[in-house]
């Protein structure tokens, strides 16, 4: 998935699989639990909803494939 996010020209990208922390959880059968930290100049001046839309647009149909939960931390470079 991180390859698809390259369209956002990230200065920092961290994709973490936290699925092991949710074993036994009912949603774990539906897909994994992931955490994303992405720093990109494209987020400057955009609110959180707009930033998340950019990420989901970049991921496309992969966003729903095998993902039960995705925690997103999207920041502009000056916010780091």
Protein backbone atom coordinates (compact mmCIF):
# COMPACT_ATOMS: atom_id res chain seq x y z
CA UNK A 1 0.00 0.00 0.00
CA UNK A 2 2.85 2.38 0.66
CA UNK A 3 3.69 2.35 -3.06
CA UNK A 4 0.24 3.77 -3.85
CA UNK A 5 0.82 6.59 -1.37
CA UNK A 6 3.91 7.79 -3.25
CA UNK A 7 1.59 9.95 -5.37
CA UNK A 8 1.36 12.21 -2.29
CA UNK A 9 5.15 12.70 -2.36
CA UNK A 10 5.60 11.88 1.33
CA UNK A 11 8.52 13.31 3.25
CA UNK A 12 7.87 10.60 5.83
CA UNK A 13 5.70 7.51 5.61
CA UNK A 14 5.23 4.88 8.27
CA UNK A 15 2.79 1.99 7.75
CA UNK A 16 2.36 -0.20 10.81
CA UNK A 17 0.39 -3.44 11.05
CA UNK A 18 -1.22 -3.65 14.49
CA UNK A 19 -3.37 -6.68 13.66
CA UNK A 20 -1.64 -8.84 16.26
CA UNK A 21 -2.95 -6.50 18.98
CA UNK A 22 -6.54 -7.26 17.96
CA UNK A 23 -6.51 -11.05 17.66
CA UNK A 24 -9.78 -12.43 18.97
CA UNK A 25 -11.58 -9.16 18.22
CA UNK A 26 -14.68 -9.74 16.05
CA UNK A 27 -13.43 -7.26 13.43
CA UNK A 28 -10.14 -9.10 13.09
CA UNK A 29 -11.91 -11.67 10.90
CA UNK A 30 -12.87 -8.88 8.47
CA UNK A 31 -9.32 -7.63 7.96
CA UNK A 32 -6.29 -6.12 9.60
CA UNK A 33 -5.77 -3.14 11.87
CA UNK A 34 -3.24 -0.62 10.57
CA UNK A 35 -1.71 2.70 11.58
CA UNK A 36 -0.43 5.24 9.05
CA UNK A 37 1.75 8.29 9.66
CA UNK A 38 2.22 10.35 6.52
CA UNK A 39 3.91 13.74 6.23
CA UNK A 40 3.38 15.55 2.95
CA UNK A 41 3.45 19.15 1.73
CA UNK A 42 0.18 18.36 -0.05
CA UNK A 43 -1.57 18.47 3.33
CA UNK A 44 -0.64 22.12 3.99
CA UNK A 45 -3.75 24.27 4.36
CA UNK A 46 -6.11 21.27 4.29
CA UNK A 47 -8.31 20.10 7.12
CA UNK A 48 -8.26 16.56 8.47
CA UNK A 49 -11.16 15.35 6.29
CA UNK A 50 -9.51 16.65 3.11
CA UNK A 51 -6.21 15.00 4.08
CA UNK A 52 -7.92 11.66 4.69
CA UNK A 53 -9.71 11.94 1.33
CA UNK A 54 -6.36 12.38 -0.42
CA UNK A 55 -5.07 9.24 1.28
CA UNK A 56 -8.14 7.13 0.50
CA UNK A 57 -8.11 8.38 -3.11
CA UNK A 58 -4.47 7.34 -3.42
CA UNK A 59 -5.15 3.91 -1.94
CA UNK A 60 -8.18 3.38 -4.16
CA UNK A 61 -9.88 -0.01 -3.85
CA UNK A 62 -6.93 -1.31 -1.83
CA UNK A 63 -8.18 0.75 1.12
CA UNK A 64 -11.09 -1.64 1.64
CA UNK A 65 -9.33 -4.88 0.74
CA UNK A 66 -8.33 -6.65 3.92
CA UNK A 67 -8.51 -3.54 6.11
CA UNK A 68 -10.86 -3.50 9.09
CA UNK A 69 -9.41 -0.40 10.76
CA UNK A 70 -7.02 2.30 9.61
CA UNK A 71 -5.78 4.98 11.98
CA UNK A 72 -4.41 7.95 10.02
CA UNK A 73 -2.05 10.67 11.23
CA UNK A 74 -1.64 13.02 8.24
CA UNK A 75 0.55 16.08 8.77
CA UNK A 76 2.05 18.89 6.76
CA UNK A 77 5.85 19.25 7.18
CA UNK A 78 5.51 22.33 9.40
CA UNK A 79 3.34 20.32 11.84
CA UNK A 80 6.04 17.76 12.61
